[in-house]
Amino acid sequence: IVSYNHLGNNDGMNLSAPQTFRSKEISKSNVVDDMVASNGILYEPGEHPDHVVVIKYVPYVGDSKRAMDEYTSEIFMGGKNTIVMHNTCEDSLLAAPIIL
């Protein structure tokens, strides 16, 4: 699983600091760890997927959050299948329901 995000608002700028990014990276990774731990069918005990989180500050995009997530799985005869999702949204609107 690879999660790539770029945004140009204050969140993006703050996440460009290594210590702030590390905190976000851990929280995003914990979601995957919890998913794996709760589903004994997908993974054997001790087995887990590779997971990489990338967040970049790109001032040009402003409040727009651009996210791309890749999910790769094994298919017939050792082949690989990758599903890629792309999402663009206004980052500040994602938090609006929490504030309201």
PDB file of N, CA and C in Angstrom:
ATOM      1  N   ILE A   1       0.861  -1.166   0.000  1.00  0.00           N
ATOM      2  CA  ILE A   1       0.000   0.000   0.000  1.00  0.00           C
ATOM      3  C   ILE A   1       0.904   1.225   0.000  1.00  0.00           C
ATOM      4  N   VAL A   2       0.663   2.113  -0.945  1.00  0.00           N
ATOM      5  CA  VAL A   2       1.407   3.365  -0.997  1.00  0.00           C
ATOM      6  C   VAL A   2       0.403   4.505  -0.966  1.00  0.00           C
ATOM      7  N   SER A   3       0.577   5.425  -0.031  1.00  0.00           N
ATOM      8  CA  SER A   3      -0.287   6.599   0.087  1.00  0.00           C
ATOM      9  C   SER A   3       0.554   7.834  -0.199  1.00  0.00           C
ATOM     10  N   TYR A   4       0.208   8.530  -1.299  1.00  0.00           N
ATOM     11  CA  TYR A   4       0.922   9.755  -1.667  1.00  0.00           C
ATOM     12  C   TYR A   4      -0.051  10.921  -1.586  1.00  0.00           C
ATOM     13  N   ASN A   5       0.311  11.959  -0.863  1.00  0.00           N
ATOM     14  CA  ASN A   5      -0.534  13.142  -0.719  1.00  0.00           C
ATOM     15  C   ASN A   5       0.298  14.392  -0.957  1.00  0.00           C
ATOM     16  N   HIS A   6      -0.310  15.385  -1.581  1.00  0.00           N
ATOM     17  CA  HIS A   6       0.319  16.704  -1.588  1.00  0.00           C
ATOM     18  C   HIS A   6      -0.763  17.761  -1.415  1.00  0.00           C
ATOM     19  N   LEU A   7      -0.419  18.783  -0.641  1.00  0.00           N
ATOM     20  CA  LEU A   7      -1.325  19.880  -0.366  1.00  0.00           C
ATOM     21  C   LEU A   7      -0.523  21.145  -0.135  1.00  0.00           C
ATOM     22  N   GLY A   8      -1.188  22.291  -0.298  1.00  0.00           N
ATOM     23  CA  GLY A   8      -0.464  23.555  -0.262  1.00  0.00           C
ATOM     24  C   GLY A   8      -0.880  24.494   0.845  1.00  0.00           C
ATOM     25  N   ASN A   9      -1.705  24.030   1.762  1.00  0.00           N
ATOM     26  CA  ASN A   9      -2.147  24.902   2.861  1.00  0.00           C
ATOM     27  C   ASN A   9      -1.215  24.766   4.068  1.00  0.00           C
ATOM     28  N   ASN A  10      -1.629  25.312   5.204  1.00  0.00           N
ATOM     29  CA  ASN A  10      -0.793  25.237   6.414  1.00  0.00           C
ATOM     30  C   ASN A  10      -0.541  23.803   6.859  1.00  0.00           C
ATOM     31  N   ASP A  11      -1.527  22.920   6.670  1.00  0.00           N
ATOM     32  CA  ASP A  11      -1.299  21.514   7.024  1.00  0.00           C
ATOM     33  C   ASP A  11      -0.119  20.956   6.241  1.00  0.00           C
ATOM     34  N   GLY A  12      -0.098  21.224   4.947  1.00  0.00           N
ATOM     35  CA  GLY A  12       1.004  20.744   4.122  1.00  0.00           C
ATOM     36  C   GLY A  12       2.336  21.325   4.551  1.00  0.00           C
ATOM     37  N   MET A  13       2.341  22.615   4.859  1.00  0.00           N
ATOM     38  CA  MET A  13       3.575  23.263   5.299  1.00  0.00           C
ATOM     39  C   MET A  13       4.042  22.670   6.631  1.00  0.00           C
ATOM     40  N   ASN A  14       3.112  22.482   7.574  1.00  0.00           N
ATOM     41  CA  ASN A  14       3.479  21.910   8.874  1.00  0.00           C
ATOM     42  C   ASN A  14       3.978  20.478   8.743  1.00  0.00           C
ATOM     43  N   LEU A  15       3.378  19.715   7.827  1.00  0.00           N
ATOM     44  CA  LEU A  15       3.795  18.325   7.655  1.00  0.00           C
ATOM     45  C   LEU A  15       5.134  18.200   6.938  1.00  0.00           C
ATOM     46  N   SER A  16       5.665  19.306   6.423  1.00  0.00           N
ATOM     47  CA  SER A  16       6.997  19.241   5.820  1.00  0.00           C
ATOM     48  C   SER A  16       8.091  19.198   6.887  1.00  0.00           C
ATOM     49  N   ALA A  17       7.728  19.482   8.154  1.00  0.00           N
ATOM     50  CA  ALA A  17       8.678  19.343   9.268  1.00  0.00           C
ATOM     51  C   ALA A  17       8.775  17.859   9.634  1.00  0.00           C
ATOM     52  N   PRO A  18       9.986  17.305   9.722  1.00  0.00           N
ATOM     53  CA  PRO A  18      10.151  15.866   9.957  1.00  0.00           C
ATOM     54  C   PRO A  18       9.395  15.318  11.172  1.00  0.00           C
ATOM     55  N   GLN A  19       9.426  16.024  12.306  1.00  0.00           N
ATOM     56  CA  GLN A  19       8.770  15.489  13.496  1.00  0.00           C
ATOM     57  C   GLN A  19       7.249  15.478  13.346  1.00  0.00           C
ATOM     58  N   THR A  20       6.689  16.475  12.676  1.00  0.00           N
ATOM     59  CA  THR A  20       5.244  16.511  12.451  1.00  0.00           C
ATOM     60  C   THR A  20       4.846  15.430  11.459  1.00  0.00           C
ATOM     61  N   PHE A  21       5.641  15.268  10.404  1.00  0.00           N
ATOM     62  CA  PHE A  21       5.351  14.225   9.426  1.00  0.00           C
ATOM     63  C   PHE A  21       5.402  12.851  10.071  1.00  0.00           C
ATOM     64  N   ARG A  22       6.381  12.622  10.910  1.00  0.00           N
ATOM     65  CA  ARG A  22       6.525  11.301  11.544  1.00  0.00           C
ATOM     66  C   ARG A  22       5.281  10.945  12.346  1.00  0.00           C
ATOM     67  N   SER A  23       4.713  11.901  13.052  1.00  0.00           N
ATOM     68  CA  SER A  23       3.490  11.659  13.815  1.00  0.00           C
ATOM     69  C   SER A  23       2.346  11.256  12.887  1.00  0.00           C
ATOM     70  N   LYS A  24       2.196  11.950  11.770  1.00  0.00           N
ATOM     71  CA  LYS A  24       1.144  11.641  10.796  1.00  0.00           C
ATOM     72  C   LYS A  24       1.387  10.284  10.156  1.00  0.00           C
ATOM     73  N   GLU A  25       2.646   9.992   9.841  1.00  0.00           N
ATOM     74  CA  GLU A  25       3.002   8.711   9.237  1.00  0.00           C
ATOM     75  C   GLU A  25       2.626   7.559  10.166  1.00  0.00           C
ATOM     76  N   ILE A  26       2.895   7.720  11.450  1.00  0.00           N
ATOM     77  CA  ILE A  26       2.557   6.682  12.428  1.00  0.00           C
ATOM     78  C   ILE A  26       1.048   6.484  12.501  1.00  0.00           C
ATOM     79  N   SER A  27       0.283   7.583  12.552  1.00  0.00           N
ATOM     80  CA  SER A  27      -1.172   7.444  12.663  1.00  0.00           C
ATOM     81  C   SER A  27      -1.763   6.786  11.416  1.00  0.00           C
ATOM     82  N   LYS A  28      -1.257   7.124  10.226  1.00  0.00           N
ATOM     83  CA  LYS A  28      -1.747   6.486   9.004  1.00  0.00           C
ATOM     84  C   LYS A  28      -1.354   5.007   8.975  1.00  0.00           C
ATOM     85  N   SER A  29      -0.160   4.688   9.426  1.00  0.00           N
ATOM     86  CA  SER A  29       0.289   3.300   9.453  1.00  0.00           C
ATOM     87  C   SER A  29      -0.517   2.475  10.447  1.00  0.00           C
ATOM     88  N   ASN A  30      -0.902   3.078  11.556  1.00  0.00           N
ATOM     89  CA  ASN A  30      -1.691   2.359  12.557  1.00  0.00           C
ATOM     90  C   ASN A  30      -3.040   1.919  12.012  1.00  0.00           C
ATOM     91  N   VAL A  31      -3.617   2.688  11.107  1.00  0.00           N
ATOM     92  CA  VAL A  31      -4.888   2.293  10.487  1.00  0.00           C
ATOM     93  C   VAL A  31      -4.702   0.984   9.732  1.00  0.00           C
ATOM     94  N   VAL A  32      -3.626   0.872   8.967  1.00  0.00           N
ATOM     95  CA  VAL A  32      -3.346  -0.356   8.223  1.00  0.00           C
ATOM     96  C   VAL A  32      -3.055  -1.499   9.189  1.00  0.00           C
ATOM     97  N   ASP A  33      -2.268  -1.246  10.222  1.00  0.00           N
ATOM     98  CA  ASP A  33      -1.961  -2.287  11.209  1.00  0.00           C
ATOM     99  C   ASP A  33      -3.231  -2.817  11.869  1.00  0.00           C
ATOM    100  N   ASP A  34      -4.155  -1.931  12.229  1.00  0.00           N
ATOM    101  CA  ASP A  34      -5.422  -2.346  12.845  1.00  0.00           C
ATOM    102  C   ASP A  34      -6.254  -3.179  11.880  1.00  0.00           C
ATOM    103  N   MET A  35      -6.270  -2.790  10.609  1.00  0.00           N
ATOM    104  CA  MET A  35      -7.013  -3.540   9.599  1.00  0.00           C
ATOM    105  C   MET A  35      -6.464  -4.961   9.473  1.00  0.00           C
ATOM    106  N   VAL A  36      -5.153  -5.077   9.427  1.00  0.00           N
ATOM    107  CA  VAL A  36      -4.518  -6.386   9.296  1.00  0.00           C
ATOM    108  C   VAL A  36      -4.775  -7.238  10.539  1.00  0.00           C
ATOM    109  N   ALA A  37      -4.636  -6.644  11.715  1.00  0.00           N
ATOM    110  CA  ALA A  37      -4.821  -7.387  12.963  1.00  0.00           C
ATOM    111  C   ALA A  37      -6.251  -7.894  13.122  1.00  0.00           C
ATOM    112  N   SER A  38      -7.214  -7.179  12.568  1.00  0.00           N
ATOM    113  CA  SER A  38      -8.615  -7.562  12.749  1.00  0.00           C
ATOM    114  C   SER A  38      -9.110  -8.548  11.694  1.00  0.00           C
ATOM    115  N   ASN A  39      -8.270  -8.919  10.735  1.00  0.00           N
ATOM    116  CA  ASN A  39      -8.711  -9.803   9.669  1.00  0.00           C
ATOM    117  C   ASN A  39      -7.720 -10.942   9.480  1.00  0.00           C
ATOM    118  N   GLY A  40      -7.991 -12.065  10.140  1.00  0.00           N
ATOM    119  CA  GLY A  40      -7.107 -13.222  10.066  1.00  0.00           C
ATOM    120  C   GLY A  40      -7.157 -13.949   8.738  1.00  0.00           C
ATOM    121  N   ILE A  41      -8.086 -13.599   7.864  1.00  0.00           N
ATOM    122  CA  ILE A  41      -8.192 -14.260   6.567  1.00  0.00           C
ATOM    123  C   ILE A  41      -7.162 -13.701   5.580  1.00  0.00           C
ATOM    124  N   LEU A  42      -6.950 -12.401   5.611  1.00  0.00           N
ATOM    125  CA  LEU A  42      -6.059 -11.773   4.635  1.00  0.00           C
ATOM    126  C   LEU A  42      -4.585 -12.044   4.896  1.00  0.00           C
ATOM    127  N   TYR A  43      -4.196 -12.057   6.165  1.00  0.00           N
ATOM    128  CA  TYR A  43      -2.777 -12.183   6.506  1.00  0.00           C
ATOM    129  C   TYR A  43      -2.585 -13.192   7.624  1.00  0.00           C
ATOM    130  N   GLU A  44      -1.527 -13.970   7.507  1.00  0.00           N
ATOM    131  CA  GLU A  44      -1.140 -14.896   8.568  1.00  0.00           C
ATOM    132  C   GLU A  44      -0.616 -14.092   9.755  1.00  0.00           C
ATOM    133  N   PRO A  45      -0.627 -14.665  10.964  1.00  0.00           N
ATOM    134  CA  PRO A  45      -0.058 -13.951  12.120  1.00  0.00           C
ATOM    135  C   PRO A  45       1.391 -13.537  11.842  1.00  0.00           C
ATOM    136  N   GLY A  46       1.704 -12.291  12.127  1.00  0.00           N
ATOM    137  CA  GLY A  46       3.045 -11.760  11.897  1.00  0.00           C
ATOM    138  C   GLY A  46       3.280 -11.255  10.484  1.00  0.00           C
ATOM    139  N   GLU A  47       2.373 -11.551   9.565  1.00  0.00           N
ATOM    140  CA  GLU A  47       2.499 -11.086   8.186  1.00  0.00           C
ATOM    141  C   GLU A  47       1.781  -9.743   8.047  1.00  0.00           C
ATOM    142  N   HIS A  48       2.328  -8.848   7.251  1.00  0.00           N
ATOM    143  CA  HIS A  48       1.695  -7.549   7.049  1.00  0.00           C
ATOM    144  C   HIS A  48       2.117  -6.985   5.694  1.00  0.00           C
ATOM    145  N   PRO A  49       1.319  -6.091   5.129  1.00  0.00           N
ATOM    146  CA  PRO A  49       1.685  -5.513   3.832  1.00  0.00           C
ATOM    147  C   PRO A  49       2.758  -4.439   3.981  1.00  0.00           C
ATOM    148  N   ASP A  50       3.507  -4.224   2.911  1.00  0.00           N
ATOM    149  CA  ASP A  50       4.380  -3.053   2.871  1.00  0.00           C
ATOM    150  C   ASP A  50       3.473  -1.832   2.849  1.00  0.00           C
ATOM    151  N   HIS A  51       3.830  -0.790   3.574  1.00  0.00           N
ATOM    152  CA  HIS A  51       3.021   0.424   3.594  1.00  0.00           C
ATOM    153  C   HIS A  51       3.946   1.625   3.639  1.00  0.00           C
ATOM    154  N   VAL A  52       3.801   2.502   2.663  1.00  0.00           N
ATOM    155  CA  VAL A  52       4.625   3.699   2.573  1.00  0.00           C
ATOM    156  C   VAL A  52       3.702   4.911   2.523  1.00  0.00           C
ATOM    157  N   VAL A  53       4.024   5.938   3.304  1.00  0.00           N
ATOM    158  CA  VAL A  53       3.255   7.180   3.335  1.00  0.00           C
ATOM    159  C   VAL A  53       4.163   8.317   2.874  1.00  0.00           C
ATOM    160  N   VAL A  54       3.692   9.090   1.887  1.00  0.00           N
ATOM    161  CA  VAL A  54       4.434  10.243   1.387  1.00  0.00           C
ATOM    162  C   VAL A  54       3.498  11.450   1.438  1.00  0.00           C
ATOM    163  N   ILE A  55       3.939  12.540   2.065  1.00  0.00           N
ATOM    164  CA  ILE A  55       3.167  13.782   2.097  1.00  0.00           C
ATOM    165  C   ILE A  55       4.118  14.918   1.724  1.00  0.00           C
ATOM    166  N   LYS A  56       3.740  15.683   0.721  1.00  0.00           N
ATOM    167  CA  LYS A  56       4.586  16.777   0.247  1.00  0.00           C
ATOM    168  C   LYS A  56       3.815  18.093   0.267  1.00  0.00           C
ATOM    169  N   TYR A  57       4.537  19.160   0.559  1.00  0.00           N
ATOM    170  CA  TYR A  57       3.984  20.509   0.551  1.00  0.00           C
ATOM    171  C   TYR A  57       4.183  21.111  -0.831  1.00  0.00           C
ATOM    172  N   VAL A  58       3.085  21.457  -1.494  1.00  0.00           N
ATOM    173  CA  VAL A  58       3.118  22.061  -2.823  1.00  0.00           C
ATOM    174  C   VAL A  58       2.255  23.322  -2.766  1.00  0.00           C
ATOM    175  N   PRO A  59       2.854  24.481  -2.491  1.00  0.00           N
ATOM    176  CA  PRO A  59       2.080  25.708  -2.284  1.00  0.00           C
ATOM    177  C   PRO A  59       1.086  26.030  -3.401  1.00  0.00           C
ATOM    178  N   TYR A  60       1.428  25.712  -4.629  1.00  0.00           N
ATOM    179  CA  TYR A  60       0.579  26.057  -5.769  1.00  0.00           C
ATOM    180  C   TYR A  60      -0.847  25.517  -5.636  1.00  0.00           C
ATOM    181  N   VAL A  61      -1.032  24.328  -5.041  1.00  0.00           N
ATOM    182  CA  VAL A  61      -2.369  23.719  -5.004  1.00  0.00           C
ATOM    183  C   VAL A  61      -3.250  24.300  -3.904  1.00  0.00           C
ATOM    184  N   GLY A  62      -2.691  25.167  -3.048  1.00  0.00           N
ATOM    185  CA  GLY A  62      -3.486  25.832  -2.011  1.00  0.00           C
ATOM    186  C   GLY A  62      -4.166  24.843  -1.084  1.00  0.00           C
ATOM    187  N   ASP A  63      -5.467  25.023  -0.862  1.00  0.00           N
ATOM    188  CA  ASP A  63      -6.216  24.182   0.072  1.00  0.00           C
ATOM    189  C   ASP A  63      -6.628  22.845  -0.545  1.00  0.00           C
ATOM    190  N   SER A  64      -6.289  22.638  -1.798  1.00  0.00           N
ATOM    191  CA  SER A  64      -6.650  21.400  -2.472  1.00  0.00           C
ATOM    192  C   SER A  64      -5.745  20.267  -1.987  1.00  0.00           C
ATOM    193  N   LYS A  65      -6.367  19.197  -1.515  1.00  0.00           N
ATOM    194  CA  LYS A  65      -5.597  18.014  -1.107  1.00  0.00           C
ATOM    195  C   LYS A  65      -5.671  17.015  -2.250  1.00  0.00           C
ATOM    196  N   ARG A  66      -4.516  16.593  -2.713  1.00  0.00           N
ATOM    197  CA  ARG A  66      -4.439  15.599  -3.785  1.00  0.00           C
ATOM    198  C   ARG A  66      -3.899  14.320  -3.167  1.00  0.00           C
ATOM    199  N   ALA A  67      -4.635  13.250  -3.323  1.00  0.00           N
ATOM    200  CA  ALA A  67      -4.216  11.972  -2.743  1.00  0.00           C
ATOM    201  C   ALA A  67      -4.259  10.885  -3.809  1.00  0.00           C
ATOM    202  N   MET A  68      -3.230  10.054  -3.812  1.00  0.00           N
ATOM    203  CA  MET A  68      -3.213   8.884  -4.669  1.00  0.00           C
ATOM    204  C   MET A  68      -2.820   7.694  -3.800  1.00  0.00           C
ATOM    205  N   ASP A  69      -3.628   6.663  -3.865  1.00  0.00           N
ATOM    206  CA  ASP A  69      -3.356   5.456  -3.085  1.00  0.00           C
ATOM    207  C   ASP A  69      -3.262   4.272  -4.033  1.00  0.00           C
ATOM    208  N   GLU A  70      -2.227   3.467  -3.845  1.00  0.00           N
ATOM    209  CA  GLU A  70      -2.032   2.256  -4.644  1.00  0.00           C
ATOM    210  C   GLU A  70      -2.178   1.038  -3.749  1.00  0.00           C
ATOM    211  N   TYR A  71      -2.971   0.097  -4.205  1.00  0.00           N
ATOM    212  CA  TYR A  71      -3.156  -1.164  -3.495  1.00  0.00           C
ATOM    213  C   TYR A  71      -2.760  -2.277  -4.456  1.00  0.00           C
ATOM    214  N   THR A  72      -1.752  -3.039  -4.097  1.00  0.00           N
ATOM    215  CA  THR A  72      -1.274  -4.119  -4.948  1.00  0.00           C
ATOM    216  C   THR A  72      -1.566  -5.452  -4.280  1.00  0.00           C
ATOM    217  N   SER A  73      -2.081  -6.399  -5.072  1.00  0.00           N
ATOM    218  CA  SER A  73      -2.381  -7.733  -4.549  1.00  0.00           C
ATOM    219  C   SER A  73      -1.841  -8.784  -5.515  1.00  0.00           C
ATOM    220  N   GLU A  74      -1.748  -9.991  -5.007  1.00  0.00           N
ATOM    221  CA  GLU A  74      -1.299 -11.104  -5.836  1.00  0.00           C
ATOM    222  C   GLU A  74      -2.504 -11.711  -6.540  1.00  0.00           C
ATOM    223  N   ILE A  75      -2.279 -12.131  -7.793  1.00  0.00           N
ATOM    224  CA  ILE A  75      -3.334 -12.789  -8.550  1.00  0.00           C
ATOM    225  C   ILE A  75      -2.803 -14.120  -9.075  1.00  0.00           C
ATOM    226  N   PHE A  76      -3.542 -14.746  -9.926  1.00  0.00           N
ATOM    227  CA  PHE A  76      -3.245 -16.059 -10.480  1.00  0.00           C
ATOM    228  C   PHE A  76      -1.813 -16.166 -11.003  1.00  0.00           C
ATOM    229  N   MET A  77      -1.183 -17.292 -10.726  1.00  0.00           N
ATOM    230  CA  MET A  77       0.154 -17.638 -11.211  1.00  0.00           C
ATOM    231  C   MET A  77       1.223 -16.622 -10.824  1.00  0.00           C
ATOM    232  N   GLY A  78       1.109 -16.057  -9.623  1.00  0.00           N
ATOM    233  CA  GLY A  78       2.130 -15.151  -9.116  1.00  0.00           C
ATOM    234  C   GLY A  78       2.092 -13.753  -9.708  1.00  0.00           C
ATOM    235  N   GLY A  79       1.040 -13.451 -10.447  1.00  0.00           N
ATOM    236  CA  GLY A  79       0.919 -12.116 -11.031  1.00  0.00           C
ATOM    237  C   GLY A  79       0.549 -11.077  -9.981  1.00  0.00           C
ATOM    238  N   LYS A  80       0.630  -9.848 -10.366  1.00  0.00           N
ATOM    239  CA  LYS A  80       0.301  -8.730  -9.469  1.00  0.00           C
ATOM    240  C   LYS A  80      -0.810  -7.891 -10.097  1.00  0.00           C
ATOM    241  N   ASN A  81      -1.680  -7.372  -9.254  1.00  0.00           N
ATOM    242  CA  ASN A  81      -2.740  -6.464  -9.676  1.00  0.00           C
ATOM    243  C   ASN A  81      -2.642  -5.214  -8.815  1.00  0.00           C
ATOM    244  N   THR A  82      -2.608  -4.044  -9.443  1.00  0.00           N
ATOM    245  CA  THR A  82      -2.534  -2.790  -8.696  1.00  0.00           C
ATOM    246  C   THR A  82      -3.748  -1.939  -9.022  1.00  0.00           C
ATOM    247  N   ILE A  83      -4.454  -1.535  -7.976  1.00  0.00           N
ATOM    248  CA  ILE A  83      -5.579  -0.616  -8.099  1.00  0.00           C
ATOM    249  C   ILE A  83      -5.089   0.734  -7.596  1.00  0.00           C
ATOM    250  N   VAL A  84      -5.296   1.784  -8.392  1.00  0.00           N
ATOM    251  CA  VAL A  84      -4.857   3.130  -8.030  1.00  0.00           C
ATOM    252  C   VAL A  84      -6.088   4.024  -7.926  1.00  0.00           C
ATOM    253  N   MET A  85      -6.201   4.714  -6.800  1.00  0.00           N
ATOM    254  CA  MET A  85      -7.298   5.661  -6.611  1.00  0.00           C
ATOM    255  C   MET A  85      -6.720   7.064  -6.478  1.00  0.00           C
ATOM    256  N   HIS A  86      -7.362   8.013  -7.135  1.00  0.00           N
ATOM    257  CA  HIS A  86      -6.944   9.412  -7.046  1.00  0.00           C
ATOM    258  C   HIS A  86      -8.107  10.219  -6.499  1.00  0.00           C
ATOM    259  N   ASN A  87      -7.836  11.076  -5.530  1.00  0.00           N
ATOM    260  CA  ASN A  87      -8.868  11.904  -4.920  1.00  0.00           C
ATOM    261  C   ASN A  87      -8.355  13.335  -4.805  1.00  0.00           C
ATOM    262  N   THR A  88      -9.192  14.294  -5.196  1.00  0.00           N
ATOM    263  CA  THR A  88      -8.882  15.709  -5.016  1.00  0.00           C
ATOM    264  C   THR A  88     -10.047  16.348  -4.280  1.00  0.00           C
ATOM    265  N   CYS A  89      -9.756  17.055  -3.198  1.00  0.00           N
ATOM    266  CA  CYS A  89     -10.813  17.720  -2.433  1.00  0.00           C
ATOM    267  C   CYS A  89     -10.228  18.926  -1.703  1.00  0.00           C
ATOM    268  N   GLU A  90     -11.107  19.755  -1.184  1.00  0.00           N
ATOM    269  CA  GLU A  90     -10.666  20.903  -0.399  1.00  0.00           C
ATOM    270  C   GLU A  90     -10.364  20.418   1.014  1.00  0.00           C
ATOM    271  N   ASP A  91      -9.124  20.527   1.425  1.00  0.00           N
ATOM    272  CA  ASP A  91      -8.671  19.967   2.693  1.00  0.00           C
ATOM    273  C   ASP A  91      -9.420  20.548   3.891  1.00  0.00           C
ATOM    274  N   SER A  92      -9.654  21.849   3.898  1.00  0.00           N
ATOM    275  CA  SER A  92     -10.314  22.456   5.062  1.00  0.00           C
ATOM    276  C   SER A  92     -11.755  21.974   5.200  1.00  0.00           C
ATOM    277  N   LEU A  93     -12.408  21.606   4.092  1.00  0.00           N
ATOM    278  CA  LEU A  93     -13.782  21.115   4.172  1.00  0.00           C
ATOM    279  C   LEU A  93     -13.860  19.714   4.769  1.00  0.00           C
ATOM    280  N   LEU A  94     -12.756  18.968   4.720  1.00  0.00           N
ATOM    281  CA  LEU A  94     -12.744  17.641   5.341  1.00  0.00           C
ATOM    282  C   LEU A  94     -12.921  17.739   6.849  1.00  0.00           C
ATOM    283  N   ALA A  95     -12.411  18.812   7.450  1.00  0.00           N
ATOM    284  CA  ALA A  95     -12.494  18.992   8.902  1.00  0.00           C
ATOM    285  C   ALA A  95     -13.757  19.728   9.332  1.00  0.00           C
ATOM    286  N   ALA A  96     -14.487  20.323   8.394  1.00  0.00           N
ATOM    287  CA  ALA A  96     -15.660  21.133   8.751  1.00  0.00           C
ATOM    288  C   ALA A  96     -16.689  20.381   9.596  1.00  0.00           C
ATOM    289  N   PRO A  97     -17.036  19.116   9.287  1.00  0.00           N
ATOM    290  CA  PRO A  97     -18.017  18.420  10.135  1.00  0.00           C
ATOM    291  C   PRO A  97     -17.550  18.246  11.580  1.00  0.00           C
ATOM    292  N   ILE A  98     -16.250  18.109  11.788  1.00  0.00           N
ATOM    293  CA  ILE A  98     -15.721  17.971  13.149  1.00  0.00           C
ATOM    294  C   ILE A  98     -15.933  19.266  13.920  1.00  0.00           C
ATOM    295  N   ILE A  99     -15.714  20.389  13.253  1.00  0.00           N
ATOM    296  CA  ILE A  99     -15.860  21.698  13.896  1.00  0.00           C
ATOM    297  C   ILE A  99     -17.325  22.002  14.180  1.00  0.00           C
ATOM    298  N   LEU A 100     -18.197  21.661  13.229  1.00  0.00           N
ATOM    299  CA  LEU A 100     -19.621  21.934  13.399  1.00  0.00           C
ATOM    300  C   LEU A 100     -20.201  21.043  14.468  1.00  0.00           C
TER     301      LEU A 100
END
